Amino acid sequence: MDAQPRRYERNPRYPAVGGTVVTGWDAAVATLPDRPTVLALDGPAALDWHEAARGIVRALRERSVQVAVLDVRERWSPAAVDRLCVPAADADAFFLPLAEFEMGDLFDGQPAVNRPAHGVLLVHGPGAALCSPDLVWWADLPKRYAESAVASGTLPLGVNLGRPRAPGELRSLFYTDWPVTDRHRDALAPRIGRWIDVQDPQAPASLDGTAVRATLAGLSRQPVRTRPYFNSTPWGGRWAAEHLGFEPDHGGNTALGYELIAPEAGVLVGEHAGAQVELPFQLLCVLHPEQFLGPEVHRRYGTSFPIRFDYLDTVGGGNLSLHCHPQEPYMRKTFGWSYTQHETYYVTASEPGSRVFLGLRQSADLDILRKEVEASAADGTPLHVKDHVQTFPAEPGQLFMIPGGTPHSSGTGNLVLEISATPYLYSLRFYDWLRRSTAGAPRPLSHQHAFANLDTVRRGPQVAEDLVQSPRTLREGTGWREEVIGALPEMFYAVHRLVLDGTGPAADDTEGRFHILNVAAGDGVVVETADGLRHDLAFAETLTVPAAVGGYLLHPVGGRPVQVVKSLVTPS
């Protein structure tokens, strides 16, 4: 294997199968049939629908095609919108239960339109595909843009479902818009006629729907990497900017690295030097669940991809908030997820003296802790965290287990690879080091939720014994071994590590369950499947190996030692 080390790739992409990515509205409308057509342009609320409609109308009229336009949001029922989409005045300030309604519930019955005698009737907006159109196109804006637009107020119209003329809010985006829109998109996926990526609304990239499905079918059977990006937060550091080449927007930091968070992850499709579209990673699970996830995982989790990989960068930053995550009964009853947010921290890099906060001290007095947390939230008095919570050295290569309910925080000076259950929006904060928002206000704390979920049983020496585990060899071969570095009965996934000395490949097999790989030390590996397909993976990159791959080899790059962290769903 003659692969050489390379830098972290921020824009991995894969060729389209059975089609070509094209640019511009004219290239898209050129594919429309030469007959009277009802065209539905559907998609999420958080994009500029008026600009998208103008682009299509302009392109059609330049071709002398008669066109009429209907914004389907005009057909939404105001009563349904108020009931389903607008948070009640007494709703929780931090979280909403996951919305269970369908896009069609925003209408009084199925929306009907009058078919055109000539040209095109363009029906656009969330739910447009429900009007019995001749063709369905999906206009998509990756979720990172929606979140940024809501947070900054840069997309003033149509940010949230049911709020076409009001500013957006993150609660509605996360817990209403996204689950409802994702279910709608997933149901339409088998019949979408064209996928349109509107990151550039003036010159969108698009791909024929048949080619989209053919491309996803191929990717469901081969190793695939999603497009990574980093968000900035008040605690963020600079490691990813300095070592991976990320430059955050507006001079921010590289706090939270989205390596593979399935609900937001995208796969870039297109030729290397040409146009590209970003397809939701989730569609691989929707269209090919058994091939991608594996039969047992599909049976347990449906089409939800249950494990996520992300980075927490506090090198040159600050401590994360002290927080915990919901325990499973609370997650089901209060928030609506069928499984909970168990986590682990794998230390990829750290500065001397850096620490991880984890688990209650044996001497922790919960009444005192509650009083101090409440006083801190009310009066801004510091919380002496180490009086209540243990700390451990953040040594590179150490894994920390964080089941739901465990108080924890990554301290300053760490690059942590967070290997966790997919739910990712439920950090229940006790304390945030008296940090303030960009507007100068104290950052809000969801400490009532946090205390409702706090695990008060595992404390003192039991924390180190259960949650700071030593590696144990699972299997080995010439020049390599596989270690279990973290597993708990209450957690549905395990974390392993493949250690290669550089002399030869390590052999692995999905055995019917997807694997996720991350190069945690060394230059990288080349993943070779049984049918000879090769995918290189550099330091700090993450790769999904679908269940359908079966046996594969890991070749160390350049014949040098390398360590690869692996996670998989454990058998039920």
Protein backbone atom coordinates (compact mmCIF):
# COMPACT_ATOMS: atom_id res chain seq x y z
CA MET A 1 0.00 0.00 0.00
CA ASP A 2 1.75 3.17 -1.25
CA ALA A 3 -0.54 5.85 0.21
CA GLN A 4 1.21 8.90 1.65
CA PRO A 5 0.17 11.18 4.49
CA ARG A 6 -2.14 14.05 3.59
CA ARG A 7 -3.83 16.94 5.33
CA TYR A 8 -7.32 16.81 6.80
CA GLU A 9 -9.87 17.13 3.97
CA ARG A 10 -12.62 19.62 4.78
CA ASN A 11 -14.69 18.90 1.66
CA PRO A 12 -14.73 15.16 0.94
CA ARG A 13 -16.91 14.39 -2.07
CA TYR A 14 -18.15 11.46 -4.11
CA PRO A 15 -19.10 11.27 -7.80
CA ALA A 16 -22.74 11.23 -8.84
CA VAL A 17 -24.02 7.96 -10.28
CA GLY A 18 -26.19 8.13 -13.39
CA GLY A 19 -26.24 11.91 -13.68
CA THR A 20 -24.32 15.18 -13.49
CA VAL A 21 -24.61 18.04 -11.03
CA VAL A 22 -25.61 21.20 -12.90
CA THR A 23 -25.65 24.85 -11.87
CA GLY A 24 -28.35 27.50 -12.24
CA TRP A 25 -32.13 27.64 -12.45
CA ASP A 26 -32.06 27.46 -16.23
CA ALA A 27 -30.28 24.12 -16.19
CA ALA A 28 -32.91 22.81 -13.78
CA VAL A 29 -35.99 24.02 -15.69
CA ALA A 30 -34.53 22.71 -18.95
CA THR A 31 -35.44 19.24 -17.66
CA LEU A 32 -39.17 20.01 -17.32
CA PRO A 33 -41.57 18.23 -19.70
CA ASP A 34 -43.07 20.15 -22.62
CA ARG A 35 -46.66 19.96 -21.39
CA PRO A 36 -48.85 21.65 -18.79
CA THR A 37 -47.24 20.85 -15.44
CA VAL A 38 -47.86 21.36 -11.75
CA LEU A 39 -44.37 21.66 -10.27
CA ALA A 40 -44.02 21.45 -6.47
CA LEU A 41 -40.88 23.04 -5.02
CA ASP A 42 -40.85 21.70 -1.46
CA GLY A 43 -38.29 21.99 1.32
CA PRO A 44 -37.55 23.41 4.78
CA ALA A 45 -38.99 26.67 6.06
CA ALA A 46 -35.58 28.25 6.58
CA LEU A 47 -34.65 29.30 3.09
CA ASP A 48 -35.50 32.29 0.91
CA TRP A 49 -38.60 30.94 -0.82
CA HIS A 50 -39.36 34.16 -2.67
CA GLU A 51 -35.90 34.21 -4.22
CA ALA A 52 -36.16 30.54 -5.22
CA ALA A 53 -39.55 31.14 -6.86
CA ARG A 54 -38.21 34.21 -8.67
CA GLY A 55 -35.31 32.19 -10.02
CA ILE A 56 -37.57 29.50 -11.48
CA VAL A 57 -40.04 32.03 -12.90
CA ARG A 58 -37.26 34.00 -14.53
CA ALA A 59 -35.74 30.90 -16.10
CA LEU A 60 -39.12 29.70 -17.42
CA ARG A 61 -40.04 33.06 -18.91
CA GLU A 62 -36.69 33.28 -20.65
CA ARG A 63 -37.77 30.07 -22.35
CA SER A 64 -41.14 31.66 -23.21
CA VAL A 65 -42.98 29.29 -20.86
CA GLN A 66 -46.11 30.64 -19.24
CA VAL A 67 -45.89 30.33 -15.44
CA ALA A 68 -48.17 30.97 -12.48
CA VAL A 69 -47.04 30.90 -8.85
CA LEU A 70 -48.65 29.80 -5.57
CA ASP A 71 -46.99 30.06 -2.17
CA VAL A 72 -48.42 26.99 -0.43
CA ARG A 73 -48.06 28.70 2.95
CA GLU A 74 -51.11 30.73 1.97
CA ARG A 75 -53.08 27.46 2.25
CA TRP A 76 -51.92 26.70 5.78
CA SER A 77 -54.65 26.76 8.40
CA PRO A 78 -54.00 29.65 10.85
CA ALA A 79 -55.65 27.65 13.63
CA ALA A 80 -53.47 24.61 12.93
CA VAL A 81 -50.35 26.77 12.80
CA ASP A 82 -51.14 28.35 16.17
CA ARG A 83 -51.93 24.98 17.74
CA LEU A 84 -49.00 23.01 16.35
CA CYS A 85 -46.15 25.42 15.67
CA VAL A 86 -46.28 28.32 18.13
CA PRO A 87 -44.88 27.52 21.60
CA ALA A 88 -47.32 28.20 24.42
CA ALA A 89 -46.61 31.17 26.67
CA ASP A 90 -45.79 28.80 29.53
CA ALA A 91 -43.62 26.44 27.44
CA ASP A 92 -40.23 25.40 28.76
CA ALA A 93 -37.68 28.13 28.07
CA PHE A 94 -34.99 25.67 26.94
CA PHE A 95 -36.59 22.68 25.24
CA LEU A 96 -39.80 21.59 23.53
CA PRO A 97 -41.03 18.03 23.11
CA LEU A 98 -40.23 16.69 19.64
CA ALA A 99 -43.14 17.59 17.37
CA GLU A 100 -45.19 14.54 16.38
CA PHE A 101 -47.46 16.12 13.77
CA GLU A 102 -47.04 15.74 10.01
CA MET A 103 -46.62 18.48 7.42
CA GLY A 104 -50.12 17.77 6.13
CA ASP A 105 -51.58 18.72 9.53
CA LEU A 106 -50.83 22.38 8.75
CA PHE A 107 -53.64 22.30 6.16
CA ASP A 108 -57.38 21.84 6.45
CA GLY A 109 -57.42 18.72 4.33
CA GLN A 110 -55.26 18.09 1.29
CA PRO A 111 -54.33 21.34 -0.50
CA ALA A 112 -55.89 21.41 -3.97
CA VAL A 113 -54.79 23.50 -6.95
CA ASN A 114 -56.27 24.20 -10.37
CA ARG A 115 -54.23 22.54 -13.07
CA PRO A 116 -52.84 24.88 -15.74
CA ALA A 117 -54.12 24.68 -19.31
CA HIS A 118 -50.70 25.88 -20.50
CA GLY A 119 -47.21 26.18 -19.07
CA VAL A 120 -46.28 25.60 -15.44
CA LEU A 121 -47.99 26.15 -12.12
CA LEU A 122 -45.21 26.51 -9.55
CA VAL A 123 -46.36 25.66 -6.02
CA HIS A 124 -43.60 26.39 -3.53
CA GLY A 125 -42.95 26.21 0.18
CA PRO A 126 -43.03 23.57 2.94
CA GLY A 127 -45.75 21.07 2.09
CA ALA A 128 -45.96 21.94 -1.62
CA ALA A 129 -45.66 18.26 -2.56
CA LEU A 130 -49.01 17.56 -0.90
CA CYS A 131 -50.95 19.32 -3.69
CA SER A 132 -50.86 16.26 -6.04
CA PRO A 133 -48.25 17.76 -8.40
CA ASP A 134 -46.87 16.22 -11.57
CA LEU A 135 -43.30 16.73 -10.37
CA VAL A 136 -41.68 17.25 -6.95
CA TRP A 137 -38.43 19.13 -6.56
CA TRP A 138 -36.75 19.50 -3.18
CA ALA A 139 -34.95 22.75 -2.43
CA ASP A 140 -32.54 22.28 0.44
CA LEU A 141 -30.35 24.46 2.64
CA PRO A 142 -28.07 22.49 5.00
CA LYS A 143 -29.13 22.88 8.60
CA ARG A 144 -26.00 24.71 9.72
CA TYR A 145 -27.18 27.69 7.65
CA ALA A 146 -30.65 27.59 9.17
CA GLU A 147 -29.27 27.59 12.71
CA SER A 148 -26.90 30.45 11.89
CA ALA A 149 -29.71 32.43 10.27
CA VAL A 150 -31.99 32.00 13.27
CA ALA A 151 -29.26 32.89 15.74
CA SER A 152 -28.15 35.97 13.80
CA GLY A 153 -31.50 37.10 12.41
CA THR A 154 -30.05 37.28 8.89
CA LEU A 155 -32.96 35.37 7.33
CA PRO A 156 -35.93 37.49 8.42
CA LEU A 157 -38.75 35.74 6.58
CA GLY A 158 -39.92 32.15 6.68
CA VAL A 159 -37.45 30.87 9.24
CA ASN A 160 -39.84 28.66 11.20
CA LEU A 161 -42.84 26.59 10.23
CA GLY A 162 -45.94 28.62 10.93
CA ARG A 163 -44.00 31.88 11.22
CA PRO A 164 -43.59 33.15 7.67
CA ARG A 165 -43.47 36.78 8.75
CA ALA A 166 -41.80 36.59 12.15
CA PRO A 167 -38.24 36.12 13.39
CA GLY A 168 -37.20 32.56 14.11
CA GLU A 169 -36.22 30.94 17.37
CA LEU A 170 -33.98 27.98 18.02
CA ARG A 171 -36.51 26.02 20.10
CA SER A 172 -38.94 25.92 17.20
CA LEU A 173 -36.18 25.18 14.72
CA PHE A 174 -34.73 22.23 16.66
CA TYR A 175 -37.81 20.60 18.10
CA THR A 176 -40.59 21.47 15.65
CA ASP A 177 -39.30 22.44 12.21
CA TRP A 178 -36.55 19.89 11.82
CA PRO A 179 -38.38 16.72 12.94
CA VAL A 180 -41.51 17.60 10.95
CA THR A 181 -39.61 18.62 7.82
CA ASP A 182 -37.29 15.62 8.01
CA ARG A 183 -40.22 13.19 8.17
CA HIS A 184 -41.82 14.95 5.23
CA ARG A 185 -38.58 14.85 3.20
CA ASP A 186 -37.96 11.20 4.05
CA ALA A 187 -41.44 10.21 2.88
CA LEU A 188 -40.89 12.06 -0.40
CA ALA A 189 -37.37 10.74 -1.01
CA PRO A 190 -38.38 7.87 -3.35
CA ARG A 191 -40.15 10.27 -5.74
CA ILE A 192 -38.19 13.54 -5.63
CA GLY A 193 -37.55 14.49 -9.24
CA ARG A 194 -34.69 16.92 -8.64
CA TRP A 195 -32.57 17.80 -5.63
CA ILE A 196 -31.67 21.51 -5.53
CA ASP A 197 -28.96 22.78 -3.20
CA VAL A 198 -29.64 26.49 -2.66
CA GLN A 199 -26.52 27.46 -0.74
CA ASP A 200 -26.09 29.91 -3.61
CA PRO A 201 -29.69 31.02 -4.33
CA GLN A 202 -28.65 32.84 -7.52
CA ALA A 203 -26.92 29.79 -9.00
CA PRO A 204 -28.16 26.68 -7.17
CA ALA A 205 -26.60 23.28 -7.85
CA SER A 206 -28.98 20.44 -8.66
CA LEU A 207 -29.05 16.76 -9.49
CA ASP A 208 -31.76 14.60 -11.07
CA GLY A 209 -33.68 12.60 -8.47
CA THR A 210 -32.96 9.25 -10.10
CA ALA A 211 -29.24 10.03 -9.95
CA VAL A 212 -29.61 11.07 -6.30
CA ARG A 213 -31.09 7.69 -5.44
CA ALA A 214 -28.53 5.77 -7.51
CA THR A 215 -25.71 7.67 -5.80
CA LEU A 216 -27.10 6.98 -2.34
CA ALA A 217 -27.58 3.31 -3.22
CA GLY A 218 -23.88 3.05 -4.05
CA LEU A 219 -22.78 4.98 -0.95
CA SER A 220 -24.88 2.72 1.29
CA ARG A 221 -22.49 -0.13 0.48
CA GLN A 222 -19.12 1.62 0.70
CA PRO A 223 -17.20 3.67 3.29
CA VAL A 224 -18.41 7.27 3.31
CA ARG A 225 -17.38 10.49 5.03
CA THR A 226 -19.63 13.46 5.73
CA ARG A 227 -18.74 17.12 5.27
CA PRO A 228 -17.30 18.43 8.57
CA TYR A 229 -17.62 21.94 9.98
CA PHE A 230 -17.06 23.80 13.26
CA ASN A 231 -19.35 26.09 15.22
CA SER A 232 -18.16 28.83 17.55
CA THR A 233 -19.29 29.11 21.19
CA PRO A 234 -18.18 31.16 24.21
CA TRP A 235 -15.95 28.32 25.51
CA GLY A 236 -14.33 27.39 22.19
CA GLY A 237 -10.64 27.05 21.41
CA ARG A 238 -8.36 27.28 18.37
CA TRP A 239 -6.93 23.78 17.87
CA ALA A 240 -9.02 23.00 14.79
CA ALA A 241 -8.17 26.35 13.23
CA GLU A 242 -4.46 25.82 13.78
CA HIS A 243 -4.22 22.09 12.96
CA LEU A 244 -7.10 21.33 10.57
CA GLY A 245 -7.30 24.57 8.62
CA PHE A 246 -10.78 25.67 9.71
CA GLU A 247 -11.32 29.41 9.81
CA PRO A 248 -14.50 30.19 11.72
CA ASP A 249 -16.85 32.93 10.58
CA HIS A 250 -16.59 36.41 12.06
CA GLY A 251 -13.29 35.74 13.82
CA GLY A 252 -14.78 33.17 16.18
CA ASN A 253 -13.32 29.97 17.55
CA THR A 254 -13.51 26.31 16.59
CA ALA A 255 -15.51 25.00 19.52
CA LEU A 256 -17.81 22.26 18.27
CA GLY A 257 -16.72 20.14 15.32
CA TYR A 258 -19.48 18.32 13.48
CA GLU A 259 -17.68 15.22 12.20
CA LEU A 260 -20.78 13.03 12.06
CA ILE A 261 -23.99 14.23 13.68
CA ALA A 262 -26.54 12.41 11.56
CA PRO A 263 -29.52 14.81 11.75
CA GLU A 264 -27.36 17.65 10.39
CA ALA A 265 -24.66 15.80 8.44
CA GLY A 266 -24.37 16.04 4.65
CA VAL A 267 -22.53 14.09 1.96
CA LEU A 268 -21.02 16.13 -0.88
CA VAL A 269 -21.74 14.74 -4.36
CA GLY A 270 -20.15 15.97 -7.60
CA GLU A 271 -16.99 15.83 -9.64
CA HIS A 272 -13.86 17.07 -7.90
CA ALA A 273 -13.53 20.35 -9.81
CA GLY A 274 -17.18 20.86 -10.70
CA ALA A 275 -20.49 21.73 -9.10
CA GLN A 276 -21.64 19.79 -6.05
CA VAL A 277 -24.79 19.18 -4.05
CA GLU A 278 -24.93 18.34 -0.37
CA LEU A 279 -27.26 15.41 0.32
CA PRO A 280 -28.51 14.63 3.85
CA PHE A 281 -26.61 11.72 5.37
CA GLN A 282 -29.92 10.65 6.90
CA LEU A 283 -31.25 9.63 3.47
CA LEU A 284 -28.79 6.72 3.45
CA CYS A 285 -30.60 5.35 6.51
CA VAL A 286 -34.05 6.09 5.08
CA LEU A 287 -33.57 4.55 1.65
CA HIS A 288 -31.19 1.70 2.54
CA PRO A 289 -31.56 0.98 6.26
CA GLU A 290 -30.52 -2.67 6.34
CA GLN A 291 -27.54 -2.20 4.04
CA PHE A 292 -26.34 0.92 5.84
CA LEU A 293 -27.26 0.35 9.48
CA GLY A 294 -27.55 -3.43 9.51
CA PRO A 295 -30.71 -5.52 10.10
CA GLU A 296 -30.46 -5.61 13.91
CA VAL A 297 -29.66 -1.91 14.27
CA HIS A 298 -32.52 -1.07 11.88
CA ARG A 299 -34.87 -3.20 13.94
CA ARG A 300 -33.85 -1.42 17.16
CA TYR A 301 -33.56 2.18 15.94
CA GLY A 302 -35.63 2.36 12.77
CA THR A 303 -33.97 4.79 10.37
CA SER A 304 -32.30 6.81 13.13
CA PHE A 305 -28.50 6.62 12.90
CA PRO A 306 -27.79 6.12 16.61
CA ILE A 307 -24.13 7.16 17.12
CA ARG A 308 -22.45 10.52 16.57
CA PHE A 309 -18.84 11.73 16.46
CA ASP A 310 -17.94 15.35 17.13
CA TYR A 311 -15.06 17.41 18.50
CA LEU A 312 -15.02 19.68 21.55
CA ASP A 313 -12.13 22.13 21.20
CA THR A 314 -11.14 24.01 24.36
CA VAL A 315 -7.43 24.43 23.49
CA GLY A 316 -6.98 28.14 24.14
CA GLY A 317 -10.61 28.32 25.26
CA GLY A 318 -12.49 27.74 28.49
CA ASN A 319 -14.19 24.99 30.46
CA LEU A 320 -17.43 23.61 29.09
CA SER A 321 -20.47 24.14 31.28
CA LEU A 322 -20.98 21.65 34.09
CA HIS A 323 -23.93 19.64 32.84
CA CYS A 324 -25.51 16.24 32.48
CA HIS A 325 -27.82 14.60 29.94
CA PRO A 326 -31.26 13.06 30.37
CA GLN A 327 -31.70 9.61 31.77
CA GLU A 328 -33.73 7.40 29.45
CA PRO A 329 -37.19 7.50 31.13
CA TYR A 330 -37.00 11.30 31.35
CA MET A 331 -35.84 11.57 27.73
CA ARG A 332 -38.80 9.50 26.55
CA LYS A 333 -41.46 11.20 28.67
CA THR A 334 -40.30 14.82 28.60
CA PHE A 335 -38.50 15.23 25.28
CA GLY A 336 -39.92 12.49 23.07
CA TRP A 337 -36.77 10.61 22.02
CA SER A 338 -36.89 6.82 22.20
CA TYR A 339 -33.27 6.59 23.37
CA THR A 340 -31.10 8.92 25.37
CA GLN A 341 -27.92 10.97 25.15
CA HIS A 342 -25.21 8.72 26.60
CA GLU A 343 -21.76 10.15 25.84
CA THR A 344 -18.05 9.46 25.99
CA TYR A 345 -15.01 11.73 25.76
CA TYR A 346 -11.89 10.47 23.95
CA VAL A 347 -8.94 12.80 24.51
CA THR A 348 -7.23 13.33 21.15
CA ALA A 349 -4.95 16.15 22.29
CA SER A 350 -4.44 18.14 25.48
CA GLU A 351 -2.25 20.76 27.07
CA PRO A 352 -0.21 20.00 30.22
CA GLY A 353 -2.36 20.01 33.34
CA SER A 354 -5.72 19.89 31.56
CA ARG A 355 -8.56 18.03 33.26
CA VAL A 356 -11.93 16.42 32.69
CA PHE A 357 -14.69 16.93 35.28
CA LEU A 358 -16.64 13.70 35.81
CA GLY A 359 -18.97 12.29 38.45
CA LEU A 360 -19.87 13.28 41.98
CA ARG A 361 -17.33 13.26 44.78
CA GLN A 362 -18.05 10.77 47.53
CA SER A 363 -18.57 13.67 49.93
CA ALA A 364 -20.91 15.65 47.64
CA ASP A 365 -23.92 16.99 49.55
CA LEU A 366 -26.78 17.35 47.08
CA ASP A 367 -28.70 19.86 49.18
CA ILE A 368 -25.66 22.13 49.35
CA LEU A 369 -24.99 21.63 45.62
CA ARG A 370 -28.56 22.59 44.76
CA LYS A 371 -28.47 25.70 46.95
CA GLU A 372 -25.16 26.83 45.48
CA VAL A 373 -26.33 26.24 41.90
CA GLU A 374 -29.53 28.18 42.51
CA ALA A 375 -27.61 31.02 44.18
CA SER A 376 -25.19 31.15 41.28
CA ALA A 377 -28.04 31.32 38.77
CA ALA A 378 -29.85 34.00 40.74
CA ASP A 379 -27.01 36.15 42.03
CA GLY A 380 -23.95 35.34 39.92
CA THR A 381 -21.97 33.84 42.80
CA PRO A 382 -19.25 31.39 41.75
CA LEU A 383 -19.83 27.67 42.17
CA HIS A 384 -16.86 25.78 43.60
CA VAL A 385 -17.21 22.91 41.17
CA LYS A 386 -14.37 20.80 42.55
CA ASP A 387 -16.11 20.67 45.94
CA HIS A 388 -18.81 18.57 44.31
CA VAL A 389 -17.42 16.97 41.13
CA GLN A 390 -14.27 14.92 40.60
CA THR A 391 -11.57 15.76 38.07
CA PHE A 392 -9.22 13.47 36.15
CA PRO A 393 -6.10 14.13 34.08
CA ALA A 394 -6.95 14.58 30.39
CA GLU A 395 -4.26 12.32 28.96
CA PRO A 396 -4.33 11.75 25.17
CA GLY A 397 -5.76 8.31 24.45
CA GLN A 398 -7.94 8.16 27.58
CA LEU A 399 -11.67 7.54 27.20
CA PHE A 400 -14.18 8.80 29.75
CA MET A 401 -17.64 7.17 29.89
CA ILE A 402 -20.56 9.56 30.53
CA PRO A 403 -23.91 7.78 30.93
CA GLY A 404 -27.06 9.89 31.13
CA GLY A 405 -27.31 11.74 34.45
CA THR A 406 -23.52 11.95 35.05
CA PRO A 407 -22.27 15.50 35.79
CA HIS A 408 -19.32 16.34 33.56
CA SER A 409 -17.34 18.96 31.68
CA SER A 410 -14.28 19.07 29.48
CA GLY A 411 -11.80 21.49 31.00
CA THR A 412 -9.79 24.07 29.15
CA GLY A 413 -6.89 22.84 27.01
CA ASN A 414 -8.49 19.73 25.51
CA LEU A 415 -9.41 18.42 22.10
CA VAL A 416 -12.05 15.84 22.93
CA LEU A 417 -13.57 13.46 20.40
CA GLU A 418 -17.11 13.06 21.69
CA ILE A 419 -18.44 9.60 20.78
CA SER A 420 -22.06 9.64 21.79
CA ALA A 421 -25.62 8.65 21.17
CA THR A 422 -27.14 10.71 18.37
CA PRO A 423 -29.50 12.93 20.44
CA TYR A 424 -27.38 16.05 20.86
CA LEU A 425 -29.57 18.97 21.89
CA TYR A 426 -30.11 18.18 25.56
CA SER A 427 -27.28 19.61 27.66
CA LEU A 428 -28.84 20.15 31.09
CA ARG A 429 -26.62 22.79 32.66
CA PHE A 430 -25.87 23.23 36.36
CA TYR A 431 -23.25 25.95 35.94
CA ASP A 432 -21.51 27.85 33.14
CA TRP A 433 -18.65 29.60 34.93
CA LEU A 434 -20.61 32.90 35.03
CA ARG A 435 -20.16 33.36 31.29
CA ARG A 436 -22.33 35.86 29.46
CA SER A 437 -23.87 35.81 26.03
CA THR A 438 -22.67 38.06 23.21
CA ALA A 439 -25.41 40.48 24.29
CA GLY A 440 -23.95 40.64 27.78
CA ALA A 441 -26.67 38.71 29.61
CA PRO A 442 -25.90 35.72 31.86
CA ARG A 443 -26.17 32.48 29.89
CA PRO A 444 -29.38 30.69 30.95
CA LEU A 445 -29.08 27.46 32.93
CA SER A 446 -31.48 24.53 32.72
CA HIS A 447 -30.56 23.40 36.22
CA GLN A 448 -34.06 22.18 37.13
CA HIS A 449 -33.85 19.64 34.32
CA ALA A 450 -30.28 18.85 35.38
CA PHE A 451 -31.20 18.02 38.98
CA ALA A 452 -34.17 15.95 37.80
CA ASN A 453 -31.71 13.70 35.94
CA LEU A 454 -28.64 13.76 38.20
CA ASP A 455 -27.27 10.28 38.95
CA THR A 456 -26.72 10.37 42.70
CA VAL A 457 -25.72 6.70 43.05
CA ARG A 458 -22.43 6.45 41.10
CA ARG A 459 -19.95 8.60 43.01
CA GLY A 460 -16.48 8.58 44.57
CA PRO A 461 -14.23 5.61 43.70
CA GLN A 462 -16.99 3.97 41.65
CA VAL A 463 -16.73 6.79 39.09
CA ALA A 464 -13.11 5.98 38.36
CA GLU A 465 -13.75 2.23 38.39
CA ASP A 466 -16.73 2.32 36.01
CA LEU A 467 -16.18 5.38 33.86
CA VAL A 468 -12.39 5.69 33.46
CA GLN A 469 -11.66 2.25 32.07
CA SER A 470 -8.34 0.67 31.14
CA PRO A 471 -7.95 -0.86 27.68
CA ARG A 472 -8.38 -4.64 27.37
CA THR A 473 -7.35 -6.56 24.29
CA LEU A 474 -10.26 -8.04 22.36
CA ARG A 475 -8.32 -9.66 19.51
CA GLU A 476 -4.97 -9.29 17.80
CA GLY A 477 -2.94 -10.24 14.76
CA THR A 478 0.51 -9.68 13.35
CA GLY A 479 1.35 -6.02 13.88
CA TRP A 480 -2.00 -4.98 15.35
CA ARG A 481 -4.49 -5.42 18.15
CA GLU A 482 -8.06 -4.31 18.87
CA GLU A 483 -8.82 -3.02 22.35
CA VAL A 484 -12.09 -2.35 24.12
CA ILE A 485 -11.58 1.05 25.73
CA GLY A 486 -15.14 1.69 26.89
CA ALA A 487 -18.29 -0.36 27.42
CA LEU A 488 -21.08 -0.26 30.01
CA PRO A 489 -24.20 -2.41 30.39
CA GLU A 490 -26.49 0.65 30.34
CA MET A 491 -24.97 2.06 27.14
CA PHE A 492 -26.01 0.58 23.77
CA TYR A 493 -22.71 1.19 22.00
CA ALA A 494 -19.07 0.43 22.74
CA VAL A 495 -15.81 2.20 21.89
CA HIS A 496 -12.83 0.17 20.65
CA ARG A 497 -9.36 1.13 19.43
CA LEU A 498 -7.29 -0.51 16.72
CA VAL A 499 -3.57 -0.10 17.38
CA LEU A 500 -1.35 -0.76 14.33
CA ASP A 501 2.45 -0.79 14.56
CA GLY A 502 2.84 0.05 10.86
CA THR A 503 4.08 -3.33 9.62
CA GLY A 504 0.88 -4.51 7.99
CA PRO A 505 -2.90 -4.28 7.77
CA ALA A 506 -5.45 -5.03 10.46
CA ALA A 507 -8.47 -7.10 9.46
CA ASP A 508 -12.00 -6.25 10.56
CA ASP A 509 -15.58 -7.15 9.68
CA THR A 510 -18.82 -5.25 10.24
CA GLU A 511 -20.65 -8.53 10.92
CA GLY A 512 -23.92 -6.87 10.01
CA ARG A 513 -23.54 -3.65 12.04
CA PHE A 514 -22.10 -0.34 10.81
CA HIS A 515 -18.75 0.84 12.17
CA ILE A 516 -17.53 4.41 12.66
CA LEU A 517 -13.77 4.98 12.46
CA ASN A 518 -11.64 7.97 13.47
CA VAL A 519 -7.86 8.31 13.16
CA ALA A 520 -6.90 9.41 16.67
CA ALA A 521 -3.10 9.20 16.34
CA GLY A 522 -0.70 8.78 13.44
CA ASP A 523 -0.86 9.81 9.80
CA GLY A 524 -3.86 7.76 8.74
CA VAL A 525 -5.05 4.53 7.18
CA VAL A 526 -6.44 3.25 3.91
CA VAL A 527 -9.65 1.28 4.32
CA GLU A 528 -9.85 -1.52 1.74
CA THR A 529 -13.11 -3.44 1.26
CA ALA A 530 -13.39 -7.06 0.15
CA ASP A 531 -14.25 -5.99 -3.41
CA GLY A 532 -11.11 -3.85 -3.66
CA LEU A 533 -12.61 -0.40 -3.03
CA ARG A 534 -10.19 1.89 -1.16
CA HIS A 535 -10.92 4.95 0.95
CA ASP A 536 -8.15 6.89 2.66
CA LEU A 537 -8.63 8.40 6.10
CA ALA A 538 -6.26 11.02 7.51
CA PHE A 539 -5.58 12.07 11.10
CA ALA A 540 -8.69 13.47 12.85
CA GLU A 541 -11.08 12.37 10.06
CA THR A 542 -14.16 10.21 10.63
CA LEU A 543 -15.55 7.51 8.34
CA THR A 544 -18.70 5.38 8.37
CA VAL A 545 -18.33 1.77 7.22
CA PRO A 546 -21.84 0.53 6.31
CA ALA A 547 -23.02 -2.85 7.54
CA ALA A 548 -23.12 -4.14 3.95
CA VAL A 549 -19.33 -3.75 3.57
CA GLY A 550 -18.60 -6.86 5.61
CA GLY A 551 -14.88 -7.63 5.77
CA TYR A 552 -12.31 -4.88 5.31
CA LEU A 553 -8.64 -4.11 5.92
CA LEU A 554 -6.98 -1.11 7.56
CA HIS A 555 -3.59 -0.33 6.00
CA PRO A 556 -1.40 2.12 7.98
CA VAL A 557 -0.31 5.05 5.81
CA GLY A 558 3.40 5.15 5.03
CA GLY A 559 4.13 2.08 7.13
CA ARG A 560 3.99 4.10 10.37
CA PRO A 561 2.11 3.38 13.64
CA VAL A 562 -1.47 4.57 13.84
CA GLN A 563 -4.40 4.37 16.25
CA VAL A 564 -7.98 4.20 15.00
CA VAL A 565 -10.93 4.67 17.34
CA LYS A 566 -13.98 2.60 16.40
CA SER A 567 -17.54 2.65 17.69
CA LEU A 568 -20.38 0.23 17.03
CA VAL A 569 -23.77 -0.72 18.41
CA THR A 570 -23.40 -3.66 20.77
CA PRO A 571 -25.62 -6.74 20.29
CA SER A 572 -28.91 -6.55 22.15
